[in-house]
Amino acid sequence: QSDPTVTECVVQNCLGPYDGGAMWFQQSGAVITKNVIRNNTTPISGAGLFVRLGTGHGTLLIDGNTFYGNVGGNGPAISVMEGDNAVVAHNVAYNNTATPGSGRRGGIYIRGTSIQVRNNTSVGNTVGLTLLMCDGVDSRNNILTNNLEYGLQYLDDEYPQNVNMTADYNDVWSNGLGNYYLTSASAHDLSADPLFLAGYKLADGSPCIDAGDPNPSYNDPDLSRNDMGAIPRECCFGYRGNVNCDTEGLCDISDLSLLIEHLFISL
């Protein structure tokens, strides 16, 4: 029942006895940004981040975090459930594994009311995004690719159905058992290789560039049309040669590494 800000932390190698391997929030309007949450384990929900939302709090914000290597039941990267008012945006979740027998297997698992799930990249998880018993959840501008089972999964067959749902402008591609489960592609969805560079950045020529919702409220930081996924493709800052676009404007070995990887990308 508190509203802390947790930012720029590394939370790793934790073991939760039930829910919440690395972090657990309850009835909270917390701000959780720019953290790396990796290699945590729990038997039930939210090995990386577990939130039982509740009501009567500010808007929970989960933004710009990286989750990988987390292992658990429901939502091994992010599990947000039982309440209202949250934004889950610009997170990268990759290689998070749902334990056998768990029903809500999305790397990102949402169960609640009035929740925005936008501009996330979910790759190589058991399922990309799972929505269950949701009312008024909006999921758009996400990249859900190369997950072992499904990309976007609704679970209307187990419990009361999802209602008032909006899902559009997502790239849902090359998921092992199918791109969609109990839902289908929307009018502006893509199903195409996003052409990732290191760190799940978008290469030049990615079909996800300028393919997100054109409403100006979703525009990228450079005010161009929204790019799908967590990390928009932007013009470089500062000095010429700063190809990895770090805000310090430094030209260093990481720029050269990124340029080499770009030159040899497989099309």
C-alpha atoms as a PDB file:
ATOM      1  CA  GLN A   1       0.000   0.000   0.000  1.00  0.00           C
ATOM      2  CA  SER A   2       2.801   2.381  -0.874  1.00  0.00           C
ATOM      3  CA  ASP A   3       3.835   4.143  -4.063  1.00  0.00           C
ATOM      4  CA  PRO A   4       7.629   3.915  -4.322  1.00  0.00           C
ATOM      5  CA  THR A   5       9.814   4.681  -7.313  1.00  0.00           C
ATOM      6  CA  VAL A   6      12.281   1.917  -8.178  1.00  0.00           C
ATOM      7  CA  THR A   7      14.646   2.875 -10.970  1.00  0.00           C
ATOM      8  CA  GLU A   8      17.989   1.822 -12.484  1.00  0.00           C
ATOM      9  CA  CYS A   9      18.435  -1.205 -10.238  1.00  0.00           C
ATOM     10  CA  VAL A  10      19.624  -4.718 -11.033  1.00  0.00           C
ATOM     11  CA  VAL A  11      17.584  -7.382  -9.232  1.00  0.00           C
ATOM     12  CA  GLN A  12      18.855 -10.886  -9.849  1.00  0.00           C
ATOM     13  CA  ASN A  13      19.101 -14.454  -8.582  1.00  0.00           C
ATOM     14  CA  CYS A  14      16.224 -14.133  -6.102  1.00  0.00           C
ATOM     15  CA  LEU A  15      13.906 -16.954  -5.013  1.00  0.00           C
ATOM     16  CA  GLY A  16      10.289 -16.255  -4.101  1.00  0.00           C
ATOM     17  CA  PRO A  17       8.418 -18.829  -1.991  1.00  0.00           C
ATOM     18  CA  TYR A  18       5.078 -18.197  -3.760  1.00  0.00           C
ATOM     19  CA  ASP A  19       4.533 -15.021  -5.827  1.00  0.00           C
ATOM     20  CA  GLY A  20       7.106 -12.378  -6.675  1.00  0.00           C
ATOM     21  CA  GLY A  21      10.595 -13.764  -7.066  1.00  0.00           C
ATOM     22  CA  ALA A  22      12.364 -10.408  -7.439  1.00  0.00           C
ATOM     23  CA  MET A  23       9.743  -7.732  -6.643  1.00  0.00           C
ATOM     24  CA  TRP A  24       6.267  -7.825  -5.092  1.00  0.00           C
ATOM     25  CA  PHE A  25       3.891  -4.857  -4.892  1.00  0.00           C
ATOM     26  CA  GLN A  26       0.371  -4.870  -3.511  1.00  0.00           C
ATOM     27  CA  GLN A  27      -2.325  -2.166  -3.872  1.00  0.00           C
ATOM     28  CA  SER A  28       0.331   0.146  -5.227  1.00  0.00           C
ATOM     29  CA  GLY A  29       0.789   3.001  -7.660  1.00  0.00           C
ATOM     30  CA  ALA A  30       4.517   2.337  -7.873  1.00  0.00           C
ATOM     31  CA  VAL A  31       6.787   3.684 -10.610  1.00  0.00           C
ATOM     32  CA  ILE A  32       9.113   0.894 -11.780  1.00  0.00           C
ATOM     33  CA  THR A  33      11.457   2.078 -14.523  1.00  0.00           C
ATOM     34  CA  LYS A  34      14.775   1.286 -16.226  1.00  0.00           C
ATOM     35  CA  ASN A  35      15.580  -1.778 -14.116  1.00  0.00           C
ATOM     36  CA  VAL A  36      17.211  -5.045 -15.152  1.00  0.00           C
ATOM     37  CA  ILE A  37      15.397  -7.981 -13.564  1.00  0.00           C
ATOM     38  CA  ARG A  38      17.006 -11.309 -14.381  1.00  0.00           C
ATOM     39  CA  ASN A  39      17.398 -14.936 -13.359  1.00  0.00           C
ATOM     40  CA  ASN A  40      14.786 -14.924 -10.590  1.00  0.00           C
ATOM     41  CA  THR A  41      12.545 -17.859  -9.699  1.00  0.00           C
ATOM     42  CA  THR A  42       9.177 -18.434  -8.067  1.00  0.00           C
ATOM     43  CA  PRO A  43       6.783 -21.397  -8.194  1.00  0.00           C
ATOM     44  CA  ILE A  44       3.598 -19.404  -8.822  1.00  0.00           C
ATOM     45  CA  SER A  45       3.351 -15.878 -10.336  1.00  0.00           C
ATOM     46  CA  GLY A  46       5.673 -13.070 -11.334  1.00  0.00           C
ATOM     47  CA  ALA A  47       9.183 -14.425 -10.956  1.00  0.00           C
ATOM     48  CA  GLY A  48      10.477 -11.071 -12.185  1.00  0.00           C
ATOM     49  CA  LEU A  49       7.750  -8.678 -11.029  1.00  0.00           C
ATOM     50  CA  PHE A  50       4.473  -9.475  -9.283  1.00  0.00           C
ATOM     51  CA  VAL A  51       1.804  -6.829  -8.688  1.00  0.00           C
ATOM     52  CA  ARG A  52      -1.556  -7.368  -7.011  1.00  0.00           C
ATOM     53  CA  LEU A  53      -3.006  -4.039  -8.073  1.00  0.00           C
ATOM     54  CA  GLY A  54      -5.996  -3.518  -5.851  1.00  0.00           C
ATOM     55  CA  THR A  55      -7.951  -0.264  -6.147  1.00  0.00           C
ATOM     56  CA  GLY A  56      -7.806   3.271  -4.803  1.00  0.00           C
ATOM     57  CA  HIS A  57      -4.188   3.975  -5.711  1.00  0.00           C
ATOM     58  CA  GLY A  58      -2.455   6.009  -8.386  1.00  0.00           C
ATOM     59  CA  THR A  59      -1.601   4.552 -11.783  1.00  0.00           C
ATOM     60  CA  LEU A  60       1.043   1.842 -11.571  1.00  0.00           C
ATOM     61  CA  LEU A  61       3.810   2.422 -14.140  1.00  0.00           C
ATOM     62  CA  ILE A  62       6.108  -0.366 -15.363  1.00  0.00           C
ATOM     63  CA  ASP A  63       8.240   1.287 -18.043  1.00  0.00           C
ATOM     64  CA  GLY A  64      11.553   0.719 -19.776  1.00  0.00           C
ATOM     65  CA  ASN A  65      12.650  -2.368 -17.836  1.00  0.00           C
ATOM     66  CA  THR A  66      14.463  -5.451 -19.109  1.00  0.00           C
ATOM     67  CA  PHE A  67      13.416  -8.922 -17.929  1.00  0.00           C
ATOM     68  CA  TYR A  68      15.241 -12.088 -18.887  1.00  0.00           C
ATOM     69  CA  GLY A  69      15.996 -15.553 -17.569  1.00  0.00           C
ATOM     70  CA  ASN A  70      13.169 -15.496 -15.022  1.00  0.00           C
ATOM     71  CA  VAL A  71      11.422 -18.818 -14.340  1.00  0.00           C
ATOM     72  CA  GLY A  72       8.035 -19.304 -12.719  1.00  0.00           C
ATOM     73  CA  GLY A  73       4.370 -19.996 -13.215  1.00  0.00           C
ATOM     74  CA  ASN A  74       2.011 -17.273 -14.344  1.00  0.00           C
ATOM     75  CA  GLY A  75       3.787 -14.369 -16.020  1.00  0.00           C
ATOM     76  CA  PRO A  76       7.425 -15.265 -15.361  1.00  0.00           C
ATOM     77  CA  ALA A  77       8.599 -11.771 -16.395  1.00  0.00           C
ATOM     78  CA  ILE A  78       5.662  -9.525 -15.387  1.00  0.00           C
ATOM     79  CA  SER A  79       2.463 -10.534 -13.617  1.00  0.00           C
ATOM     80  CA  VAL A  80      -0.102  -7.748 -13.013  1.00  0.00           C
ATOM     81  CA  MET A  81      -3.434  -8.870 -11.596  1.00  0.00           C
ATOM     82  CA  GLU A  82      -6.526  -8.225  -9.465  1.00  0.00           C
ATOM     83  CA  GLY A  83      -7.143  -4.488  -9.675  1.00  0.00           C
ATOM     84  CA  ASP A  84      -7.130  -1.460 -11.927  1.00  0.00           C
ATOM     85  CA  ASN A  85      -5.104   1.373 -13.434  1.00  0.00           C
ATOM     86  CA  ALA A  86      -1.709   0.398 -14.774  1.00  0.00           C
ATOM     87  CA  VAL A  87       0.574   1.163 -17.704  1.00  0.00           C
ATOM     88  CA  VAL A  88       2.995  -1.525 -18.873  1.00  0.00           C
ATOM     89  CA  ALA A  89       5.148   0.059 -21.572  1.00  0.00           C
ATOM     90  CA  HIS A  90       8.552  -0.024 -23.298  1.00  0.00           C
ATOM     91  CA  ASN A  91       9.680  -3.186 -21.513  1.00  0.00           C
ATOM     92  CA  VAL A  92      11.858  -5.866 -23.105  1.00  0.00           C
ATOM     93  CA  ALA A  93      11.049  -9.393 -21.911  1.00  0.00           C
ATOM     94  CA  TYR A  94      13.063 -12.228 -23.414  1.00  0.00           C
ATOM     95  CA  ASN A  95      13.816 -15.864 -22.582  1.00  0.00           C
ATOM     96  CA  ASN A  96      11.524 -15.998 -19.552  1.00  0.00           C
ATOM     97  CA  THR A  97      10.140 -19.489 -18.958  1.00  0.00           C
ATOM     98  CA  ALA A  98       6.795 -20.630 -17.575  1.00  0.00           C
ATOM     99  CA  THR A  99       7.071 -23.849 -15.586  1.00  0.00           C
ATOM    100  CA  PRO A 100       5.213 -26.897 -16.936  1.00  0.00           C
ATOM    101  CA  GLY A 101       1.584 -27.018 -15.868  1.00  0.00           C
ATOM    102  CA  SER A 102       1.159 -23.294 -15.288  1.00  0.00           C
ATOM    103  CA  GLY A 103      -1.894 -21.991 -17.108  1.00  0.00           C
ATOM    104  CA  ARG A 104      -1.118 -18.304 -17.690  1.00  0.00           C
ATOM    105  CA  ARG A 105       2.126 -18.682 -19.520  1.00  0.00           C
ATOM    106  CA  GLY A 106       2.755 -15.281 -21.026  1.00  0.00           C
ATOM    107  CA  GLY A 107       6.088 -13.673 -20.317  1.00  0.00           C
ATOM    108  CA  ILE A 108       3.785 -10.714 -19.615  1.00  0.00           C
ATOM    109  CA  TYR A 109       0.538 -11.729 -17.887  1.00  0.00           C
ATOM    110  CA  ILE A 110      -2.292  -9.247 -17.336  1.00  0.00           C
ATOM    111  CA  ARG A 111      -5.508  -9.765 -15.364  1.00  0.00           C
ATOM    112  CA  GLY A 112      -7.290  -6.564 -14.417  1.00  0.00           C
ATOM    113  CA  THR A 113      -9.170  -3.443 -15.441  1.00  0.00           C
ATOM    114  CA  SER A 114      -8.105  -0.261 -17.274  1.00  0.00           C
ATOM    115  CA  ILE A 115      -4.587  -1.371 -18.134  1.00  0.00           C
ATOM    116  CA  GLN A 116      -2.485  -0.183 -21.080  1.00  0.00           C
ATOM    117  CA  VAL A 117       0.015  -2.663 -22.495  1.00  0.00           C
ATOM    118  CA  ARG A 118       1.933  -0.814 -25.185  1.00  0.00           C
ATOM    119  CA  ASN A 119       5.284  -0.749 -26.935  1.00  0.00           C
ATOM    120  CA  ASN A 120       6.674  -3.837 -25.268  1.00  0.00           C
ATOM    121  CA  THR A 121       8.984  -6.379 -26.907  1.00  0.00           C
ATOM    122  CA  SER A 122       8.326  -9.970 -25.843  1.00  0.00           C
ATOM    123  CA  VAL A 123      10.600 -12.509 -27.528  1.00  0.00           C
ATOM    124  CA  GLY A 124      11.611 -16.091 -26.785  1.00  0.00           C
ATOM    125  CA  ASN A 125       9.306 -16.532 -23.807  1.00  0.00           C
ATOM    126  CA  THR A 126       6.886 -19.414 -23.385  1.00  0.00           C
ATOM    127  CA  VAL A 127       4.057 -17.068 -24.528  1.00  0.00           C
ATOM    128  CA  GLY A 128       4.448 -13.410 -25.492  1.00  0.00           C
ATOM    129  CA  LEU A 129       1.426 -11.784 -23.799  1.00  0.00           C
ATOM    130  CA  THR A 130      -1.442 -13.457 -21.909  1.00  0.00           C
ATOM    131  CA  LEU A 131      -4.699 -11.635 -21.073  1.00  0.00           C
ATOM    132  CA  LEU A 132      -7.196 -13.240 -18.693  1.00  0.00           C
ATOM    133  CA  MET A 133     -10.405 -11.888 -17.095  1.00  0.00           C
ATOM    134  CA  CYS A 134      -9.627  -8.374 -18.322  1.00  0.00           C
ATOM    135  CA  ASP A 135     -11.960  -5.400 -18.700  1.00  0.00           C
ATOM    136  CA  GLY A 136     -10.828  -2.393 -20.705  1.00  0.00           C
ATOM    137  CA  VAL A 137      -7.281  -3.552 -21.468  1.00  0.00           C
ATOM    138  CA  ASP A 138      -5.620  -1.908 -24.454  1.00  0.00           C
ATOM    139  CA  SER A 139      -2.638  -3.689 -26.035  1.00  0.00           C
ATOM    140  CA  ARG A 140      -0.975  -2.017 -29.009  1.00  0.00           C
ATOM    141  CA  ASN A 141       2.381  -1.272 -30.625  1.00  0.00           C
ATOM    142  CA  ASN A 142       3.914  -4.430 -29.111  1.00  0.00           C
ATOM    143  CA  ILE A 143       6.304  -6.890 -30.766  1.00  0.00           C
ATOM    144  CA  LEU A 144       5.411 -10.488 -29.848  1.00  0.00           C
ATOM    145  CA  THR A 145       7.721 -12.774 -31.800  1.00  0.00           C
ATOM    146  CA  ASN A 146       9.552 -16.101 -31.615  1.00  0.00           C
ATOM    147  CA  ASN A 147       7.826 -17.202 -28.431  1.00  0.00           C
ATOM    148  CA  LEU A 148       7.706 -20.956 -27.867  1.00  0.00           C
ATOM    149  CA  GLU A 149       3.920 -21.291 -27.854  1.00  0.00           C
ATOM    150  CA  TYR A 150       1.785 -18.252 -28.754  1.00  0.00           C
ATOM    151  CA  GLY A 151       2.328 -14.558 -29.356  1.00  0.00           C
ATOM    152  CA  LEU A 152      -0.954 -13.046 -28.089  1.00  0.00           C
ATOM    153  CA  GLN A 153      -3.050 -15.329 -25.902  1.00  0.00           C
ATOM    154  CA  TYR A 154      -6.570 -14.711 -24.587  1.00  0.00           C
ATOM    155  CA  LEU A 155      -7.851 -17.218 -22.015  1.00  0.00           C
ATOM    156  CA  ASP A 156     -11.602 -16.845 -22.371  1.00  0.00           C
ATOM    157  CA  ASP A 157     -12.274 -20.551 -22.060  1.00  0.00           C
ATOM    158  CA  GLU A 158     -11.266 -20.942 -18.420  1.00  0.00           C
ATOM    159  CA  TYR A 159     -12.975 -18.039 -16.660  1.00  0.00           C
ATOM    160  CA  PRO A 160     -15.390 -15.162 -17.430  1.00  0.00           C
ATOM    161  CA  GLN A 161     -14.419 -13.689 -20.749  1.00  0.00           C
ATOM    162  CA  ASN A 162     -12.276 -10.693 -21.501  1.00  0.00           C
ATOM    163  CA  VAL A 163     -14.517  -7.692 -22.265  1.00  0.00           C
ATOM    164  CA  ASN A 164     -14.020  -4.222 -23.768  1.00  0.00           C
ATOM    165  CA  MET A 165     -10.670  -5.266 -25.168  1.00  0.00           C
ATOM    166  CA  THR A 166      -8.587  -3.411 -27.753  1.00  0.00           C
ATOM    167  CA  ALA A 167      -5.575  -4.950 -29.470  1.00  0.00           C
ATOM    168  CA  ASP A 168      -4.119  -3.464 -32.642  1.00  0.00           C
ATOM    169  CA  TYR A 169      -0.888  -2.353 -34.328  1.00  0.00           C
ATOM    170  CA  ASN A 170       1.070  -5.299 -32.917  1.00  0.00           C
ATOM    171  CA  ASP A 171       3.713  -7.353 -34.731  1.00  0.00           C
ATOM    172  CA  VAL A 172       2.867 -10.988 -33.958  1.00  0.00           C
ATOM    173  CA  TRP A 173       5.180 -13.313 -35.876  1.00  0.00           C
ATOM    174  CA  SER A 174       6.837 -16.735 -35.878  1.00  0.00           C
ATOM    175  CA  ASN A 175       5.465 -18.055 -32.584  1.00  0.00           C
ATOM    176  CA  GLY A 176       5.802 -21.797 -32.123  1.00  0.00           C
ATOM    177  CA  LEU A 177       2.194 -23.008 -31.809  1.00  0.00           C
ATOM    178  CA  GLY A 178       0.542 -20.055 -33.493  1.00  0.00           C
ATOM    179  CA  ASN A 179       0.546 -16.293 -33.391  1.00  0.00           C
ATOM    180  CA  TYR A 180      -2.843 -15.999 -31.659  1.00  0.00           C
ATOM    181  CA  TYR A 181      -4.776 -18.110 -29.160  1.00  0.00           C
ATOM    182  CA  LEU A 182      -8.531 -17.484 -28.750  1.00  0.00           C
ATOM    183  CA  THR A 183      -8.181 -14.184 -30.597  1.00  0.00           C
ATOM    184  CA  SER A 184      -7.103 -13.147 -34.073  1.00  0.00           C
ATOM    185  CA  ALA A 185      -5.159 -10.512 -35.943  1.00  0.00           C
ATOM    186  CA  SER A 186      -6.550  -6.989 -35.888  1.00  0.00           C
ATOM    187  CA  ALA A 187      -6.801  -4.681 -38.871  1.00  0.00           C
ATOM    188  CA  HIS A 188      -3.375  -3.076 -38.470  1.00  0.00           C
ATOM    189  CA  ASP A 189      -1.374  -5.969 -37.023  1.00  0.00           C
ATOM    190  CA  LEU A 190       1.805  -7.123 -38.739  1.00  0.00           C
ATOM    191  CA  SER A 191       3.197 -10.607 -39.028  1.00  0.00           C
ATOM    192  CA  ALA A 192       6.768  -9.979 -40.108  1.00  0.00           C
ATOM    193  CA  ASP A 193      10.353 -10.354 -38.929  1.00  0.00           C
ATOM    194  CA  PRO A 194      11.070  -7.174 -36.923  1.00  0.00           C
ATOM    195  CA  LEU A 195      14.781  -7.279 -37.914  1.00  0.00           C
ATOM    196  CA  PHE A 196      16.344  -6.859 -34.516  1.00  0.00           C
ATOM    197  CA  LEU A 197      19.836  -5.593 -33.821  1.00  0.00           C
ATOM    198  CA  ALA A 198      21.600  -6.203 -30.507  1.00  0.00           C
ATOM    199  CA  GLY A 199      19.465  -5.339 -27.508  1.00  0.00           C
ATOM    200  CA  TYR A 200      16.251  -5.713 -29.544  1.00  0.00           C
ATOM    201  CA  LYS A 201      16.734  -2.410 -31.301  1.00  0.00           C
ATOM    202  CA  LEU A 202      15.242  -2.097 -34.774  1.00  0.00           C
ATOM    203  CA  ALA A 203      17.492  -2.237 -37.823  1.00  0.00           C
ATOM    204  CA  ASP A 204      17.047   0.110 -40.745  1.00  0.00           C
ATOM    205  CA  GLY A 205      14.374  -1.426 -42.947  1.00  0.00           C
ATOM    206  CA  SER A 206      12.463  -3.016 -40.075  1.00  0.00           C
ATOM    207  CA  PRO A 207       8.741  -3.245 -40.911  1.00  0.00           C
ATOM    208  CA  CYS A 208       8.040  -2.086 -37.349  1.00  0.00           C
ATOM    209  CA  ILE A 209       9.460   1.392 -37.974  1.00  0.00           C
ATOM    210  CA  ASP A 210       6.642   3.948 -38.246  1.00  0.00           C
ATOM    211  CA  ALA A 211       4.113   1.086 -38.141  1.00  0.00           C
ATOM    212  CA  GLY A 212       2.604   1.733 -34.719  1.00  0.00           C
ATOM    213  CA  ASP A 213      -0.603   3.584 -34.016  1.00  0.00           C
ATOM    214  CA  PRO A 214      -0.427   6.924 -35.906  1.00  0.00           C
ATOM    215  CA  ASN A 215      -2.270   8.827 -33.188  1.00  0.00           C
ATOM    216  CA  PRO A 216       0.185  11.594 -32.140  1.00  0.00           C
ATOM    217  CA  SER A 217      -0.253  10.606 -28.488  1.00  0.00           C
ATOM    218  CA  TYR A 218       1.858   7.504 -29.254  1.00  0.00           C
ATOM    219  CA  ASN A 219       4.605   9.328 -31.167  1.00  0.00           C
ATOM    220  CA  ASP A 220       8.238   8.398 -30.552  1.00  0.00           C
ATOM    221  CA  PRO A 221      10.441  10.755 -28.502  1.00  0.00           C
ATOM    222  CA  ASP A 222      11.677  12.369 -31.744  1.00  0.00           C
ATOM    223  CA  LEU A 223       7.987  13.134 -32.542  1.00  0.00           C
ATOM    224  CA  SER A 224       7.902  10.757 -35.514  1.00  0.00           C
ATOM    225  CA  ARG A 225       5.152   8.158 -35.888  1.00  0.00           C
ATOM    226  CA  ASN A 226       5.315   5.380 -33.329  1.00  0.00           C
ATOM    227  CA  ASP A 227       7.648   2.433 -33.939  1.00  0.00           C
ATOM    228  CA  MET A 228       6.358  -0.898 -32.686  1.00  0.00           C
ATOM    229  CA  GLY A 229       8.271  -2.436 -29.810  1.00  0.00           C
ATOM    230  CA  ALA A 230      10.077  -1.196 -26.739  1.00  0.00           C
ATOM    231  CA  ILE A 231      12.957   0.663 -28.363  1.00  0.00           C
ATOM    232  CA  PRO A 232      12.156   3.167 -31.136  1.00  0.00           C
ATOM    233  CA  ARG A 233      14.518   3.694 -34.031  1.00  0.00           C
ATOM    234  CA  GLU A 234      15.657   7.280 -33.649  1.00  0.00           C
ATOM    235  CA  CYS A 235      18.146   9.623 -35.247  1.00  0.00           C
ATOM    236  CA  CYS A 236      21.440   9.616 -33.425  1.00  0.00           C
ATOM    237  CA  PHE A 237      22.272  12.253 -30.861  1.00  0.00           C
ATOM    238  CA  GLY A 238      25.372  14.385 -30.664  1.00  0.00           C
ATOM    239  CA  TYR A 239      28.387  13.473 -32.745  1.00  0.00           C
ATOM    240  CA  ARG A 240      28.488  11.872 -36.170  1.00  0.00           C
ATOM    241  CA  GLY A 241      29.247   8.186 -35.779  1.00  0.00           C
ATOM    242  CA  ASN A 242      27.144   7.743 -32.634  1.00  0.00           C
ATOM    243  CA  VAL A 243      25.255   4.860 -34.223  1.00  0.00           C
ATOM    244  CA  ASN A 244      24.019   3.354 -30.953  1.00  0.00           C
ATOM    245  CA  CYS A 245      22.295   6.644 -30.116  1.00  0.00           C
ATOM    246  CA  ASP A 246      23.521   6.903 -26.525  1.00  0.00           C
ATOM    247  CA  THR A 247      22.488  10.204 -25.023  1.00  0.00           C
ATOM    248  CA  GLU A 248      26.064  11.101 -24.039  1.00  0.00           C
ATOM    249  CA  GLY A 249      26.897  11.471 -27.734  1.00  0.00           C
ATOM    250  CA  LEU A 250      29.936   9.206 -27.361  1.00  0.00           C
ATOM    251  CA  CYS A 251      31.606   7.492 -30.306  1.00  0.00           C
ATOM    252  CA  ASP A 252      33.202   4.334 -28.945  1.00  0.00           C
ATOM    253  CA  ILE A 253      33.734   0.619 -29.550  1.00  0.00           C
ATOM    254  CA  SER A 254      30.051  -0.133 -28.960  1.00  0.00           C
ATOM    255  CA  ASP A 255      29.182   2.044 -31.958  1.00  0.00           C
ATOM    256  CA  LEU A 256      31.553   0.028 -34.129  1.00  0.00           C
ATOM    257  CA  SER A 257      30.097  -3.258 -32.848  1.00  0.00           C
ATOM    258  CA  LEU A 258      26.564  -2.149 -33.631  1.00  0.00           C
ATOM    259  CA  LEU A 259      27.566  -0.948 -37.109  1.00  0.00           C
ATOM    260  CA  ILE A 260      29.228  -4.292 -37.911  1.00  0.00           C
ATOM    261  CA  GLU A 261      26.169  -6.207 -36.742  1.00  0.00           C
ATOM    262  CA  HIS A 262      23.947  -4.000 -38.884  1.00  0.00           C
ATOM    263  CA  LEU A 263      26.078  -4.600 -41.967  1.00  0.00           C
ATOM    264  CA  PHE A 264      25.821  -8.386 -41.607  1.00  0.00           C
ATOM    265  CA  ILE A 265      22.158  -8.644 -40.626  1.00  0.00           C
ATOM    266  CA  SER A 266      20.282 -11.522 -42.278  1.00  0.00           C
ATOM    267  CA  LEU A 267      17.395 -10.422 -44.475  1.00  0.00           C
END
